[in-house]
Structure formats: structure tokens, C-alpha cells
Amino acid sequence: MNNKKDTRYMVTLALMAAIVILLANTPLGMIQLPIIKATTVHIPVIIGSIVLGPAAGAFLGAVFGICSMISNTQAPTLLSFAFSPFLSTTGLIGVIKALWVSIGCRIMIGVVSGWVSVALKKLRVPAAVRLAVTGFIGSMTNTVFVMGSIYLLFAQQYAEVKNVGMEAVFGLVMGTVAASGVPEAIAAAILVTAITGGLMKSGVLRQNTVLAGSH
């Protein structure tokens, strides 16, 4: 019985990882909103953390982060120095900082989402509310950790590429959080609720929540 559960757990984890990779490497990873494009790559990370637990969420977040690092290395943008250790201009320190932003911050999506879901479930919060809140917080975890880390670790380089003074960096970061992070979080709350709710109704999620509690 345990072997059967472990196999189902690993198969589900592999499937979720494949979805992360698919979204990270295709236009499906972005949703066009009225003002900005919202990423959807973190959605399977959040769902995986709900279905399989925080540890699995951390793994899926790492997969997301590695995809982000590769993408920023192969097709760099103005801010890719903060996501790719191979583009570091400040030596080993810059490499460590970029690894944290690209991978560490994404691992935190799964960790935070998983434990938020566990806590809300223990508080007997209705499923729909639990899913929506977890989706929102998980998405905001991505935005706040990434943009917060860029502000704390790469403020000078950020100011240089944006061609602004250091005093303007905080305002730009907060503007990104408000303009991009909040709409993404709302979209995540809706998608996580709809997708995970559908899995619950189909009976798929009910089987895997047993697995999440045993790992």
C-alpha cells in the first residue's frame, strides 16, 4: 500500500514538474491582462504544494527557478543579471545573489503555499476560500521575494539599467509589485481555485491529499 502511494506521489510530482517546464518554455506561461502580462508558471507550483505538501512545492519551485535561470541566460533582458549567475558582473557574490533570486525565491513559493494550505486546512477554512487565499499568497510570495531581493541585493545595478537615481529604486520596485504582482495574485487565486477545485470534484485531489499528509 505504501509503495502504491509513493508511486502515485512521484508520478504526480513528475507530472506537475513537466507542466512547470512546459509553461516556462511556451507562451502558455503568460496571460495577457489589460495592462501587463501575468506569469502562470508559478500556478502548478502552488497547486503542487497544496496537493503534495510543502516539500514537493519546494521542489517544483526549484524547477521553476532553474527554468528561469536558463531562460535569462539564453535570452537575456535588462534585468537578467539578477536571475542568471552566468551574467554576474560582481564575481562570486553576484553569482550567489542571482541563484537566490532565480531559484531560492521560487522555492519559497512552494514552501509558503504549502504551509499556508496546511494551516488553513487545520483551521477548517472552507476549501474554496483556502484555495483562493493560498493562490493569492503563493503568487505574492513570488513577487515580493523576487522584487524585494532585487531591491536589497541589486539596487545599484537596477538603478543603472533603469537609468534612474538610487532614491527612485524603491518606488519603481513598489510600482512593479502593485502593477504586476497584485493582478498576477488575483489571477492565481482564480486559477488555483478553479483547477484544484476541479481536481477535488473529479476525485484526483482527494487521493493525493492523503499522500501530502504522509510526506
N, C-alpha and C. Protein backbone atom coordinates (compact mmCIF):
# COMPACT_ATOMS: atom_id res chain seq x y z
N MET A 1 0.83 -1.20 0.00
CA MET A 1 0.00 0.00 0.00
C MET A 1 0.87 1.26 0.00
N ASN A 2 1.92 1.25 0.84
CA ASN A 2 2.81 2.41 0.89
C ASN A 2 3.55 2.59 -0.42
N ASN A 3 3.95 1.47 -1.05
CA ASN A 3 4.63 1.56 -2.33
C ASN A 3 3.72 2.15 -3.39
N LYS A 4 2.44 1.80 -3.32
CA LYS A 4 1.47 2.33 -4.28
C LYS A 4 1.30 3.83 -4.08
N LYS A 5 1.25 4.26 -2.82
CA LYS A 5 1.13 5.69 -2.52
C LYS A 5 2.37 6.45 -2.98
N ASP A 6 3.55 5.86 -2.70
CA ASP A 6 4.80 6.50 -3.10
C ASP A 6 4.88 6.63 -4.61
N THR A 7 4.46 5.62 -5.33
CA THR A 7 4.49 5.66 -6.80
C THR A 7 3.56 6.75 -7.31
N ARG A 8 2.34 6.82 -6.74
CA ARG A 8 1.38 7.84 -7.16
C ARG A 8 1.90 9.24 -6.84
N TYR A 9 2.55 9.37 -5.70
CA TYR A 9 3.14 10.65 -5.30
C TYR A 9 4.21 11.08 -6.30
N MET A 10 5.12 10.18 -6.66
CA MET A 10 6.20 10.51 -7.58
C MET A 10 5.68 10.80 -8.98
N VAL A 11 4.68 10.03 -9.42
CA VAL A 11 4.11 10.27 -10.75
C VAL A 11 3.45 11.64 -10.81
N THR A 12 2.70 11.98 -9.76
CA THR A 12 2.04 13.28 -9.71
C THR A 12 3.06 14.41 -9.67
N LEU A 13 4.12 14.22 -8.88
CA LEU A 13 5.17 15.24 -8.78
C LEU A 13 5.86 15.43 -10.14
N ALA A 14 6.14 14.33 -10.82
CA ALA A 14 6.77 14.41 -12.14
C ALA A 14 5.87 15.11 -13.14
N LEU A 15 4.57 14.84 -13.07
CA LEU A 15 3.61 15.48 -13.96
C LEU A 15 3.57 16.98 -13.72
N MET A 16 3.53 17.38 -12.45
CA MET A 16 3.50 18.80 -12.12
C MET A 16 4.78 19.50 -12.57
N ALA A 17 5.92 18.81 -12.43
CA ALA A 17 7.19 19.38 -12.87
C ALA A 17 7.20 19.57 -14.38
N ALA A 18 6.63 18.60 -15.11
CA ALA A 18 6.55 18.70 -16.56
C ALA A 18 5.69 19.89 -16.98
N ILE A 19 4.61 20.13 -16.24
CA ILE A 19 3.75 21.28 -16.53
C ILE A 19 4.50 22.58 -16.29
N VAL A 20 5.28 22.64 -15.21
CA VAL A 20 6.09 23.84 -14.93
C VAL A 20 7.04 24.11 -16.09
N ILE A 21 7.73 23.07 -16.54
CA ILE A 21 8.68 23.22 -17.64
C ILE A 21 7.99 23.65 -18.93
N LEU A 22 6.82 23.06 -19.19
CA LEU A 22 6.05 23.43 -20.38
C LEU A 22 5.67 24.90 -20.35
N LEU A 23 5.11 25.35 -19.23
CA LEU A 23 4.69 26.74 -19.12
C LEU A 23 5.88 27.69 -19.21
N ALA A 24 7.01 27.29 -18.63
CA ALA A 24 8.19 28.15 -18.61
C ALA A 24 8.81 28.33 -19.99
N ASN A 25 8.49 27.42 -20.91
CA ASN A 25 9.15 27.46 -22.21
C ASN A 25 8.19 27.70 -23.38
N THR A 26 6.95 28.07 -23.08
CA THR A 26 5.97 28.37 -24.12
C THR A 26 5.18 29.62 -23.75
N PRO A 27 4.48 30.20 -24.73
CA PRO A 27 3.63 31.37 -24.45
C PRO A 27 2.52 31.08 -23.45
N LEU A 28 2.26 29.80 -23.18
CA LEU A 28 1.23 29.44 -22.20
C LEU A 28 1.59 29.94 -20.80
N GLY A 29 2.85 30.28 -20.61
CA GLY A 29 3.30 30.76 -19.31
C GLY A 29 2.95 32.20 -19.01
N MET A 30 2.28 32.85 -19.96
CA MET A 30 1.90 34.25 -19.76
C MET A 30 0.43 34.45 -20.09
N ILE A 31 -0.26 35.28 -19.28
CA ILE A 31 -1.65 35.66 -19.55
C ILE A 31 -1.68 37.15 -19.81
N GLN A 32 -2.27 37.56 -20.93
CA GLN A 32 -2.35 38.97 -21.25
C GLN A 32 -3.49 39.62 -20.46
N LEU A 33 -3.14 40.49 -19.53
CA LEU A 33 -4.11 41.28 -18.78
C LEU A 33 -4.27 42.64 -19.47
N PRO A 34 -5.25 43.44 -19.06
CA PRO A 34 -5.47 44.74 -19.72
C PRO A 34 -4.23 45.62 -19.78
N ILE A 35 -3.37 45.55 -18.77
CA ILE A 35 -2.21 46.45 -18.72
C ILE A 35 -0.90 45.69 -18.88
N ILE A 36 -0.76 44.55 -18.24
CA ILE A 36 0.51 43.82 -18.24
C ILE A 36 0.28 42.34 -18.57
N LYS A 37 1.38 41.62 -18.75
CA LYS A 37 1.32 40.17 -18.90
C LYS A 37 1.60 39.53 -17.55
N ALA A 38 0.74 38.61 -17.16
CA ALA A 38 0.91 37.94 -15.87
C ALA A 38 1.45 36.54 -16.10
N THR A 39 2.47 36.17 -15.34
CA THR A 39 3.04 34.83 -15.47
C THR A 39 2.12 33.79 -14.84
N THR A 40 2.12 32.60 -15.43
CA THR A 40 1.32 31.50 -14.87
C THR A 40 2.21 30.33 -14.44
N VAL A 41 3.54 30.48 -14.59
CA VAL A 41 4.45 29.37 -14.31
C VAL A 41 4.37 28.94 -12.85
N HIS A 42 4.07 29.89 -11.96
CA HIS A 42 4.02 29.54 -10.54
C HIS A 42 2.72 28.85 -10.14
N ILE A 43 1.74 28.80 -11.04
CA ILE A 43 0.45 28.17 -10.72
C ILE A 43 0.62 26.69 -10.39
N PRO A 44 1.28 25.89 -11.24
CA PRO A 44 1.46 24.47 -10.87
C PRO A 44 2.33 24.28 -9.63
N VAL A 45 3.20 25.24 -9.34
CA VAL A 45 3.99 25.16 -8.11
C VAL A 45 3.06 25.27 -6.90
N ILE A 46 2.14 26.22 -6.95
CA ILE A 46 1.19 26.41 -5.85
C ILE A 46 0.26 25.21 -5.73
N ILE A 47 -0.26 24.76 -6.86
CA ILE A 47 -1.17 23.61 -6.84
C ILE A 47 -0.45 22.37 -6.32
N GLY A 48 0.78 22.17 -6.76
CA GLY A 48 1.56 21.03 -6.29
C GLY A 48 1.81 21.07 -4.80
N SER A 49 2.03 22.27 -4.26
CA SER A 49 2.25 22.40 -2.82
C SER A 49 0.98 22.09 -2.03
N ILE A 50 -0.17 22.39 -2.62
CA ILE A 50 -1.45 22.09 -1.97
C ILE A 50 -1.72 20.59 -2.03
N VAL A 51 -1.48 20.00 -3.20
CA VAL A 51 -1.81 18.60 -3.42
C VAL A 51 -0.82 17.66 -2.71
N LEU A 52 0.47 18.00 -2.80
CA LEU A 52 1.51 17.08 -2.34
C LEU A 52 2.28 17.56 -1.11
N GLY A 53 2.06 18.80 -0.69
CA GLY A 53 2.73 19.29 0.51
C GLY A 53 3.87 20.26 0.23
N PRO A 54 4.38 20.92 1.28
CA PRO A 54 5.42 21.94 1.14
C PRO A 54 6.72 21.45 0.52
N ALA A 55 7.14 20.23 0.84
CA ALA A 55 8.40 19.71 0.29
C ALA A 55 8.32 19.57 -1.22
N ALA A 56 7.21 19.01 -1.69
CA ALA A 56 7.01 18.88 -3.13
C ALA A 56 6.90 20.26 -3.77
N GLY A 57 6.24 21.20 -3.08
CA GLY A 57 6.14 22.56 -3.58
C GLY A 57 7.50 23.21 -3.72
N ALA A 58 8.39 22.95 -2.76
CA ALA A 58 9.75 23.49 -2.83
C ALA A 58 10.49 22.93 -4.04
N PHE A 59 10.32 21.62 -4.30
CA PHE A 59 10.96 21.00 -5.47
C PHE A 59 10.45 21.64 -6.76
N LEU A 60 9.14 21.80 -6.87
CA LEU A 60 8.55 22.40 -8.07
C LEU A 60 9.00 23.85 -8.23
N GLY A 61 9.13 24.56 -7.10
CA GLY A 61 9.64 25.92 -7.16
C GLY A 61 11.07 25.95 -7.68
N ALA A 62 11.87 24.97 -7.29
CA ALA A 62 13.25 24.88 -7.78
C ALA A 62 13.28 24.63 -9.28
N VAL A 63 12.36 23.79 -9.77
CA VAL A 63 12.27 23.54 -11.21
C VAL A 63 11.93 24.84 -11.94
N PHE A 64 10.98 25.59 -11.41
CA PHE A 64 10.61 26.90 -11.96
C PHE A 64 11.83 27.81 -11.99
N GLY A 65 12.56 27.85 -10.88
CA GLY A 65 13.73 28.72 -10.78
C GLY A 65 14.82 28.36 -11.77
N ILE A 66 15.08 27.07 -11.94
CA ILE A 66 16.09 26.62 -12.90
C ILE A 66 15.69 27.01 -14.32
N CYS A 67 14.41 26.85 -14.64
CA CYS A 67 13.91 27.27 -15.96
C CYS A 67 14.10 28.77 -16.15
N SER A 68 13.83 29.55 -15.11
CA SER A 68 14.01 31.00 -15.18
C SER A 68 15.47 31.35 -15.39
N MET A 69 16.36 30.67 -14.68
CA MET A 69 17.79 30.92 -14.81
C MET A 69 18.27 30.62 -16.23
N ILE A 70 17.84 29.49 -16.79
CA ILE A 70 18.23 29.11 -18.14
C ILE A 70 17.71 30.11 -19.16
N SER A 71 16.44 30.50 -19.00
CA SER A 71 15.83 31.45 -19.92
C SER A 71 16.55 32.79 -19.91
N ASN A 72 16.89 33.27 -18.71
CA ASN A 72 17.57 34.56 -18.61
C ASN A 72 19.02 34.49 -19.10
N THR A 73 19.59 33.31 -19.09
CA THR A 73 20.96 33.13 -19.60
C THR A 73 20.96 33.07 -21.12
N GLN A 74 20.00 32.33 -21.68
CA GLN A 74 19.96 32.15 -23.13
C GLN A 74 19.40 33.37 -23.87
N ALA A 75 18.43 34.05 -23.26
CA ALA A 75 17.82 35.22 -23.90
C ALA A 75 17.76 36.36 -22.88
N PRO A 76 18.90 36.95 -22.56
CA PRO A 76 18.97 37.97 -21.50
C PRO A 76 18.19 39.24 -21.81
N THR A 77 17.63 39.81 -20.77
CA THR A 77 16.95 41.10 -20.83
C THR A 77 17.70 42.07 -19.93
N LEU A 78 17.17 43.26 -19.74
CA LEU A 78 17.85 44.26 -18.92
C LEU A 78 18.09 43.80 -17.49
N LEU A 79 17.16 42.99 -16.95
CA LEU A 79 17.26 42.56 -15.56
C LEU A 79 17.79 41.15 -15.39
N SER A 80 18.27 40.53 -16.47
CA SER A 80 18.72 39.14 -16.38
C SER A 80 19.93 38.96 -15.48
N PHE A 81 20.67 40.02 -15.22
CA PHE A 81 21.82 39.91 -14.32
C PHE A 81 21.40 39.46 -12.93
N ALA A 82 20.13 39.73 -12.58
CA ALA A 82 19.63 39.36 -11.25
C ALA A 82 19.12 37.93 -11.21
N PHE A 83 19.01 37.27 -12.36
CA PHE A 83 18.46 35.92 -12.43
C PHE A 83 19.43 34.88 -12.95
N SER A 84 20.52 35.31 -13.56
CA SER A 84 21.48 34.36 -14.12
C SER A 84 22.86 34.54 -13.49
N PRO A 85 23.37 33.50 -12.82
CA PRO A 85 24.71 33.59 -12.24
C PRO A 85 25.79 33.72 -13.31
N PHE A 86 25.46 33.35 -14.54
CA PHE A 86 26.43 33.42 -15.63
C PHE A 86 26.59 34.83 -16.17
N LEU A 87 25.71 35.73 -15.76
CA LEU A 87 25.79 37.12 -16.21
C LEU A 87 26.28 38.04 -15.11
N SER A 88 26.76 37.46 -14.04
CA SER A 88 27.22 38.26 -12.90
C SER A 88 28.42 39.14 -13.27
N THR A 89 28.38 40.38 -12.83
CA THR A 89 29.49 41.32 -13.04
C THR A 89 30.20 41.61 -11.72
N THR A 90 29.79 40.92 -10.65
CA THR A 90 30.38 41.18 -9.33
C THR A 90 30.96 39.93 -8.71
N GLY A 91 31.41 38.99 -9.57
CA GLY A 91 32.09 37.80 -9.08
C GLY A 91 31.19 36.82 -8.34
N LEU A 92 31.80 36.09 -7.39
CA LEU A 92 31.10 35.03 -6.67
C LEU A 92 29.90 35.56 -5.90
N ILE A 93 30.03 36.74 -5.31
CA ILE A 93 28.91 37.33 -4.57
C ILE A 93 27.71 37.52 -5.48
N GLY A 94 27.96 38.01 -6.69
CA GLY A 94 26.88 38.20 -7.65
C GLY A 94 26.25 36.89 -8.07
N VAL A 95 27.09 35.85 -8.19
CA VAL A 95 26.58 34.52 -8.55
C VAL A 95 25.62 34.01 -7.49
N ILE A 96 26.01 34.13 -6.23
CA ILE A 96 25.17 33.67 -5.12
C ILE A 96 23.87 34.47 -5.07
N LYS A 97 23.96 35.77 -5.27
CA LYS A 97 22.76 36.61 -5.26
C LYS A 97 21.79 36.20 -6.36
N ALA A 98 22.33 35.97 -7.57
CA ALA A 98 21.47 35.59 -8.70
C ALA A 98 20.82 34.23 -8.49
N LEU A 99 21.56 33.29 -7.90
CA LEU A 99 20.99 31.98 -7.60
C LEU A 99 19.85 32.09 -6.60
N TRP A 100 19.99 32.97 -5.63
CA TRP A 100 18.92 33.18 -4.66
C TRP A 100 17.67 33.74 -5.34
N VAL A 101 17.86 34.78 -6.18
CA VAL A 101 16.71 35.40 -6.83
C VAL A 101 16.03 34.43 -7.78
N SER A 102 16.81 33.74 -8.60
CA SER A 102 16.22 32.87 -9.62
C SER A 102 15.66 31.57 -9.06
N ILE A 103 16.36 30.97 -8.11
CA ILE A 103 15.94 29.66 -7.60
C ILE A 103 15.42 29.73 -6.16
N GLY A 104 16.16 30.38 -5.27
CA GLY A 104 15.76 30.45 -3.86
C GLY A 104 14.39 31.07 -3.67
N CYS A 105 14.16 32.18 -4.35
CA CYS A 105 12.86 32.86 -4.20
C CYS A 105 11.72 32.00 -4.72
N ARG A 106 11.99 31.21 -5.76
CA ARG A 106 10.93 30.37 -6.32
C ARG A 106 10.67 29.15 -5.45
N ILE A 107 11.70 28.66 -4.76
CA ILE A 107 11.49 27.58 -3.80
C ILE A 107 10.53 28.05 -2.70
N MET A 108 10.65 29.32 -2.31
CA MET A 108 9.81 29.87 -1.26
C MET A 108 8.33 29.88 -1.64
N ILE A 109 8.03 29.93 -2.95
CA ILE A 109 6.63 29.87 -3.39
C ILE A 109 5.99 28.58 -2.88
N GLY A 110 6.67 27.45 -3.14
CA GLY A 110 6.13 26.16 -2.73
C GLY A 110 6.09 25.99 -1.23
N VAL A 111 7.14 26.46 -0.54
CA VAL A 111 7.19 26.33 0.92
C VAL A 111 6.06 27.12 1.58
N VAL A 112 5.94 28.39 1.21
CA VAL A 112 4.92 29.25 1.81
C VAL A 112 3.52 28.76 1.45
N SER A 113 3.30 28.46 0.18
CA SER A 113 1.97 27.99 -0.25
C SER A 113 1.57 26.71 0.46
N GLY A 114 2.52 25.77 0.56
CA GLY A 114 2.22 24.50 1.20
C GLY A 114 1.82 24.67 2.65
N TRP A 115 2.57 25.47 3.40
CA TRP A 115 2.26 25.64 4.82
C TRP A 115 1.03 26.50 5.06
N VAL A 116 0.77 27.46 4.16
CA VAL A 116 -0.47 28.24 4.26
C VAL A 116 -1.67 27.32 4.08
N SER A 117 -1.59 26.43 3.08
CA SER A 117 -2.68 25.49 2.83
C SER A 117 -2.89 24.56 4.02
N VAL A 118 -1.79 24.05 4.58
CA VAL A 118 -1.88 23.17 5.75
C VAL A 118 -2.53 23.89 6.93
N ALA A 119 -2.09 25.13 7.17
CA ALA A 119 -2.62 25.91 8.30
C ALA A 119 -4.11 26.19 8.13
N LEU A 120 -4.51 26.59 6.93
CA LEU A 120 -5.92 26.90 6.68
C LEU A 120 -6.79 25.65 6.78
N LYS A 121 -6.23 24.52 6.35
CA LYS A 121 -6.99 23.26 6.45
C LYS A 121 -7.20 22.88 7.91
N LYS A 122 -6.18 23.07 8.74
CA LYS A 122 -6.30 22.76 10.17
C LYS A 122 -7.31 23.69 10.85
N LEU A 123 -7.43 24.91 10.33
CA LEU A 123 -8.41 25.86 10.86
C LEU A 123 -9.81 25.62 10.31
N ARG A 124 -9.95 24.58 9.48
CA ARG A 124 -11.23 24.20 8.87
C ARG A 124 -11.83 25.32 8.01
N VAL A 125 -10.97 26.04 7.32
CA VAL A 125 -11.42 27.06 6.38
C VAL A 125 -12.04 26.36 5.17
N PRO A 126 -13.19 26.83 4.68
CA PRO A 126 -13.82 26.19 3.51
C PRO A 126 -12.84 26.04 2.35
N ALA A 127 -12.96 24.95 1.62
CA ALA A 127 -11.99 24.60 0.57
C ALA A 127 -11.80 25.72 -0.45
N ALA A 128 -12.89 26.30 -0.93
CA ALA A 128 -12.77 27.34 -1.96
C ALA A 128 -11.99 28.54 -1.43
N VAL A 129 -12.27 28.93 -0.19
CA VAL A 129 -11.56 30.06 0.41
C VAL A 129 -10.09 29.71 0.62
N ARG A 130 -9.84 28.49 1.09
CA ARG A 130 -8.46 28.04 1.32
C ARG A 130 -7.66 28.07 0.03
N LEU A 131 -8.25 27.59 -1.06
CA LEU A 131 -7.55 27.56 -2.34
C LEU A 131 -7.28 28.96 -2.86
N ALA A 132 -8.27 29.83 -2.75
CA ALA A 132 -8.10 31.20 -3.24
C ALA A 132 -7.03 31.96 -2.44
N VAL A 133 -7.09 31.82 -1.12
CA VAL A 133 -6.12 32.51 -0.27
C VAL A 133 -4.71 31.97 -0.52
N THR A 134 -4.60 30.65 -0.64
CA THR A 134 -3.29 30.05 -0.90
C THR A 134 -2.74 30.50 -2.25
N GLY A 135 -3.60 30.54 -3.26
CA GLY A 135 -3.18 31.00 -4.58
C GLY A 135 -2.70 32.44 -4.56
N PHE A 136 -3.43 33.29 -3.85
CA PHE A 136 -3.07 34.71 -3.77
C PHE A 136 -1.75 34.89 -3.04
N ILE A 137 -1.63 34.26 -1.88
CA ILE A 137 -0.41 34.41 -1.08
C ILE A 137 0.79 33.78 -1.78
N GLY A 138 0.58 32.63 -2.42
CA GLY A 138 1.67 32.00 -3.15
C GLY A 138 2.21 32.87 -4.26
N SER A 139 1.31 33.50 -5.00
CA SER A 139 1.72 34.38 -6.08
C SER A 139 2.44 35.62 -5.54
N MET A 140 1.89 36.20 -4.48
CA MET A 140 2.53 37.38 -3.90
C MET A 140 3.89 37.03 -3.30
N THR A 141 4.05 35.79 -2.83
CA THR A 141 5.35 35.35 -2.33
C THR A 141 6.39 35.46 -3.44
N ASN A 142 6.02 35.04 -4.64
CA ASN A 142 6.92 35.14 -5.78
C ASN A 142 7.31 36.60 -6.03
N THR A 143 6.32 37.46 -6.13
CA THR A 143 6.58 38.87 -6.45
C THR A 143 7.37 39.56 -5.36
N VAL A 144 6.95 39.39 -4.12
CA VAL A 144 7.60 40.10 -3.01
C VAL A 144 9.03 39.61 -2.80
N PHE A 145 9.24 38.30 -2.85
CA PHE A 145 10.59 37.77 -2.65
C PHE A 145 11.53 38.18 -3.79
N VAL A 146 11.04 38.08 -5.03
CA VAL A 146 11.90 38.43 -6.17
C VAL A 146 12.20 39.92 -6.20
N MET A 147 11.16 40.75 -6.16
CA MET A 147 11.39 42.19 -6.25
C MET A 147 12.07 42.72 -4.99
N GLY A 148 11.72 42.17 -3.84
CA GLY A 148 12.37 42.58 -2.60
C GLY A 148 13.85 42.23 -2.61
N SER A 149 14.18 41.05 -3.14
CA SER A 149 15.58 40.64 -3.21
C SER A 149 16.35 41.48 -4.21
N ILE A 150 15.71 41.82 -5.33
CA ILE A 150 16.37 42.70 -6.30
C ILE A 150 16.67 44.06 -5.66
N TYR A 151 15.72 44.57 -4.89
CA TYR A 151 15.93 45.85 -4.22
C TYR A 151 17.06 45.77 -3.20
N LEU A 152 17.09 44.70 -2.42
CA LEU A 152 18.09 44.57 -1.37
C LEU A 152 19.47 44.18 -1.90
N LEU A 153 19.51 43.39 -2.96
CA LEU A 153 20.77 42.83 -3.43
C LEU A 153 21.32 43.48 -4.70
N PHE A 154 20.43 44.06 -5.51
CA PHE A 154 20.86 44.59 -6.81
C PHE A 154 20.39 46.02 -7.05
N ALA A 155 20.20 46.79 -6.00
CA ALA A 155 19.64 48.13 -6.15
C ALA A 155 20.48 49.00 -7.09
N GLN A 156 21.79 48.96 -6.93
CA GLN A 156 22.65 49.80 -7.76
C GLN A 156 22.57 49.42 -9.24
N GLN A 157 22.67 48.10 -9.52
CA GLN A 157 22.58 47.66 -10.92
C GLN A 157 21.20 47.94 -11.49
N TYR A 158 20.16 47.80 -10.65
CA TYR A 158 18.79 48.08 -11.09
C TYR A 158 18.65 49.55 -11.48
N ALA A 159 19.22 50.42 -10.67
CA ALA A 159 19.18 51.86 -10.96
C ALA A 159 19.90 52.17 -12.26
N GLU A 160 21.02 51.49 -12.49
CA GLU A 160 21.81 51.74 -13.70
C GLU A 160 21.07 51.33 -14.96
N VAL A 161 20.45 50.14 -14.96
CA VAL A 161 19.75 49.68 -16.17
C VAL A 161 18.47 50.47 -16.40
N LYS A 162 17.88 50.97 -15.33
CA LYS A 162 16.66 51.78 -15.46
C LYS A 162 16.99 53.25 -15.69
N ASN A 163 18.29 53.58 -15.55
CA ASN A 163 18.76 54.95 -15.75
C ASN A 163 18.07 55.94 -14.81
N VAL A 164 18.04 55.56 -13.53
CA VAL A 164 17.43 56.41 -12.50
C VAL A 164 18.38 56.50 -11.32
N GLY A 165 18.12 57.42 -10.41
CA GLY A 165 18.92 57.54 -9.21
C GLY A 165 18.55 56.47 -8.20
N MET A 166 19.44 56.22 -7.26
CA MET A 166 19.21 55.20 -6.24
C MET A 166 17.94 55.48 -5.44
N GLU A 167 17.63 56.76 -5.25
CA GLU A 167 16.46 57.12 -4.45
C GLU A 167 15.15 56.74 -5.13
N ALA A 168 15.20 56.47 -6.44
CA ALA A 168 13.98 56.13 -7.18
C ALA A 168 13.73 54.63 -7.24
N VAL A 169 14.71 53.84 -6.81
CA VAL A 169 14.60 52.38 -6.96
C VAL A 169 13.43 51.81 -6.16
N PHE A 170 13.29 52.24 -4.92
CA PHE A 170 12.22 51.70 -4.08
C PHE A 170 10.85 51.95 -4.71
N GLY A 171 10.64 53.15 -5.23
CA GLY A 171 9.37 53.47 -5.87
C GLY A 171 9.10 52.61 -7.09
N LEU A 172 10.15 52.35 -7.88
CA LEU A 172 9.99 51.50 -9.05
C LEU A 172 9.65 50.07 -8.66
N VAL A 173 10.32 49.57 -7.62
CA VAL A 173 10.05 48.21 -7.16
C VAL A 173 8.63 48.09 -6.65
N MET A 174 8.19 49.04 -5.85
CA MET A 174 6.83 49.01 -5.32
C MET A 174 5.81 49.17 -6.43
N GLY A 175 6.15 49.95 -7.45
CA GLY A 175 5.26 50.10 -8.59
C GLY A 175 5.07 48.79 -9.34
N THR A 176 6.16 48.01 -9.46
CA THR A 176 6.08 46.71 -10.11
C THR A 176 5.23 45.74 -9.29
N VAL A 177 5.41 45.78 -7.98
CA VAL A 177 4.62 44.92 -7.09
C VAL A 177 3.13 45.22 -7.25
N ALA A 178 2.79 46.52 -7.29
CA ALA A 178 1.39 46.91 -7.39
C ALA A 178 0.81 46.65 -8.78
N ALA A 179 1.56 47.01 -9.82
CA ALA A 179 1.04 46.92 -11.18
C ALA A 179 1.05 45.50 -11.73
N SER A 180 2.05 44.72 -11.34
CA SER A 180 2.17 43.36 -11.87
C SER A 180 1.83 42.30 -10.83
N GLY A 181 2.36 42.46 -9.61
CA GLY A 181 2.18 41.44 -8.58
C GLY A 181 0.74 41.22 -8.15
N VAL A 182 0.01 42.30 -7.93
CA VAL A 182 -1.38 42.17 -7.46
C VAL A 182 -2.28 41.54 -8.52
N PRO A 183 -2.25 42.01 -9.80
CA PRO A 183 -3.06 41.33 -10.81
C PRO A 183 -2.69 39.86 -10.98
N GLU A 184 -1.40 39.55 -10.91
CA GLU A 184 -0.97 38.15 -11.00
C GLU A 184 -1.53 37.33 -9.85
N ALA A 185 -1.54 37.92 -8.65
CA ALA A 185 -2.04 37.21 -7.48
C ALA A 185 -3.53 36.96 -7.58
N ILE A 186 -4.26 37.92 -8.10
CA ILE A 186 -5.71 37.75 -8.29
C ILE A 186 -5.97 36.64 -9.32
N ALA A 187 -5.19 36.67 -10.43
CA ALA A 187 -5.32 35.62 -11.44
C ALA A 187 -4.98 34.26 -10.85
N ALA A 188 -3.94 34.22 -10.01
CA ALA A 188 -3.53 32.95 -9.38
C ALA A 188 -4.63 32.43 -8.46
N ALA A 189 -5.25 33.32 -7.69
CA ALA A 189 -6.33 32.91 -6.78
C ALA A 189 -7.47 32.27 -7.56
N ILE A 190 -7.80 32.87 -8.70
CA ILE A 190 -8.90 32.34 -9.52
C ILE A 190 -8.52 31.00 -10.15
N LEU A 191 -7.32 30.94 -10.74
CA LEU A 191 -6.89 29.73 -11.43
C LEU A 191 -6.67 28.56 -10.47
N VAL A 192 -6.03 28.83 -9.35
CA VAL A 192 -5.78 27.77 -8.37
C VAL A 192 -7.10 27.21 -7.84
N THR A 193 -8.04 28.10 -7.57
CA THR A 193 -9.35 27.66 -7.08
C THR A 193 -10.07 26.82 -8.12
N ALA A 194 -10.07 27.30 -9.37
CA ALA A 194 -10.79 26.59 -10.43
C ALA A 194 -10.15 25.25 -10.75
N ILE A 195 -8.83 25.22 -10.92
CA ILE A 195 -8.15 23.99 -11.31
C ILE A 195 -8.16 22.97 -10.18
N THR A 196 -7.77 23.41 -8.98
CA THR A 196 -7.71 22.47 -7.86
C THR A 196 -9.11 22.03 -7.46
N GLY A 197 -10.06 22.95 -7.54
CA GLY A 197 -11.44 22.60 -7.25
C GLY A 197 -11.95 21.53 -8.20
N GLY A 198 -11.57 21.65 -9.48
CA GLY A 198 -11.96 20.65 -10.47
C GLY A 198 -11.36 19.29 -10.15
N LEU A 199 -10.09 19.29 -9.69
CA LEU A 199 -9.44 18.04 -9.32
C LEU A 199 -10.12 17.41 -8.10
N MET A 200 -10.57 18.26 -7.18
CA MET A 200 -11.26 17.75 -6.00
C MET A 200 -12.57 17.08 -6.39
N LYS A 201 -13.30 17.71 -7.30
CA LYS A 201 -14.58 17.16 -7.72
C LYS A 201 -14.40 15.85 -8.49
N SER A 202 -13.29 15.77 -9.23
CA SER A 202 -13.05 14.56 -10.02
C SER A 202 -12.55 13.40 -9.17
N GLY A 203 -12.12 13.72 -7.92
CA GLY A 203 -11.62 12.68 -7.03
C GLY A 203 -10.12 12.52 -7.07
N VAL A 204 -9.43 13.16 -8.02
CA VAL A 204 -7.98 13.03 -8.14
C VAL A 204 -7.29 13.63 -6.93
N LEU A 205 -7.69 14.82 -6.54
CA LEU A 205 -7.04 15.51 -5.42
C LEU A 205 -7.27 14.79 -4.11
N ARG A 206 -8.44 14.18 -3.95
CA ARG A 206 -8.75 13.51 -2.69
C ARG A 206 -7.75 12.38 -2.42
N GLN A 207 -7.34 11.70 -3.47
CA GLN A 207 -6.35 10.62 -3.32
C GLN A 207 -4.99 11.18 -2.92
N ASN A 208 -4.61 12.28 -3.56
CA ASN A 208 -3.27 12.80 -3.34
C ASN A 208 -3.11 13.57 -2.05
N THR A 209 -4.21 14.09 -1.49
CA THR A 209 -4.08 14.78 -0.20
C THR A 209 -3.66 13.82 0.88
N VAL A 210 -4.02 12.54 0.74
CA VAL A 210 -3.56 11.53 1.67
C VAL A 210 -2.03 11.42 1.58
N LEU A 211 -1.53 11.49 0.35
CA LEU A 211 -0.08 11.44 0.14
C LEU A 211 0.60 12.64 0.76
N ALA A 212 -0.02 13.80 0.60
CA ALA A 212 0.60 15.02 1.13
C ALA A 212 0.72 14.94 2.64
N GLY A 213 -0.24 14.32 3.27
CA GLY A 213 -0.17 14.22 4.71
C GLY A 213 0.82 13.19 5.21
N SER A 214 1.31 12.32 4.31
CA SER A 214 2.21 11.27 4.74
C SER A 214 3.66 11.55 4.38
N HIS A 215 3.93 12.72 3.79
CA HIS A 215 5.30 13.04 3.40
C HIS A 215 5.78 14.26 4.14
